[in-house]
């Protein structure tokens, strides 16, 4: 499944570079999941290729309430649209990381960063099941229709919890299920890549977040899909669309999923600049905590001090 996802999204990046545009799961455009997610002001901030490469189901940067000085991580950052928008919102003093496993998307995202002139951004190569950042490294995790693509969502949510600071926020857009879904959809590899087959039921999503350690969990529908939408995203996959579409009416929705890692949120980075080295920050720990000499577990290197992500870049 991971290889199929990597291939499909790599092809999507290449289509954007070639000027052919892109759409979720390779549809012909007008996709009811990915269309009309960003306003004109947001799109005007970015290179056209960043907008064309957007394959999400929501707009997490508009809902995550990002603040200057925060550090943000986008899981499955694709062409970089949400990373670049987030970087502007956490400036001054903040930083935005983008994590993606697809080389073609990373190359596109870095070019979009170059064109946009946004400097407080870093794109890392890696998998959302094994985030190449140390414990308690970020204030906010965002993601846009990517967690549903993973076959090991428990691992993804556990990793998200690990890299968040105490009090850190989980604020992602994802496709969510409400009720029973026909087995033909669940068994379709192509529809998994298209954000449907792997989508979690609303109650299961809550349970998995709680099991990972999160609190204050909420799921807010932002776009509910009707029969007409189902006909659009089910067509071309060898299914009896006329028979199945009515069965998924209002069963799929794009949702904004919020949760918080228990603990006291640390002071934002721009408020720490005058703290003496080794000082204890309220709600946090000694300045520079979360790093350790040498390698971290799983062989990862600590980030920061001008060497951020060096071992994880292409």
Foldseek 3Di string as FASTA:
>chain_A
DVVVLLVQLLVQLVCLVVVNFHEFLGAPDPQPQFPPADDPVLCVLWDPSLVSFDHFRHQLLVPVPAAAQFEEEEAACFLNSNQVSNLVRNPDNYAYEYEHQHPSRVVNNVVRCVVSVRDRYYYFHDHLLDDLAFFQAGQEYEYGAPLLLDPCNLSNLLVVLRNHHAFGKYKYKAKEFADDADVVLLPQPSVSSSRPNSHYHPVVVVVSNVVSQWAPKDKAFDFFDALVSQLRVVPPRPDPSVVRSNVCGRGMTIIIIMTTHHWDRWDRRVVCPPPDQQDQTVRHGGPPPRADPAADPPRRHHADPPCGNVVGHD
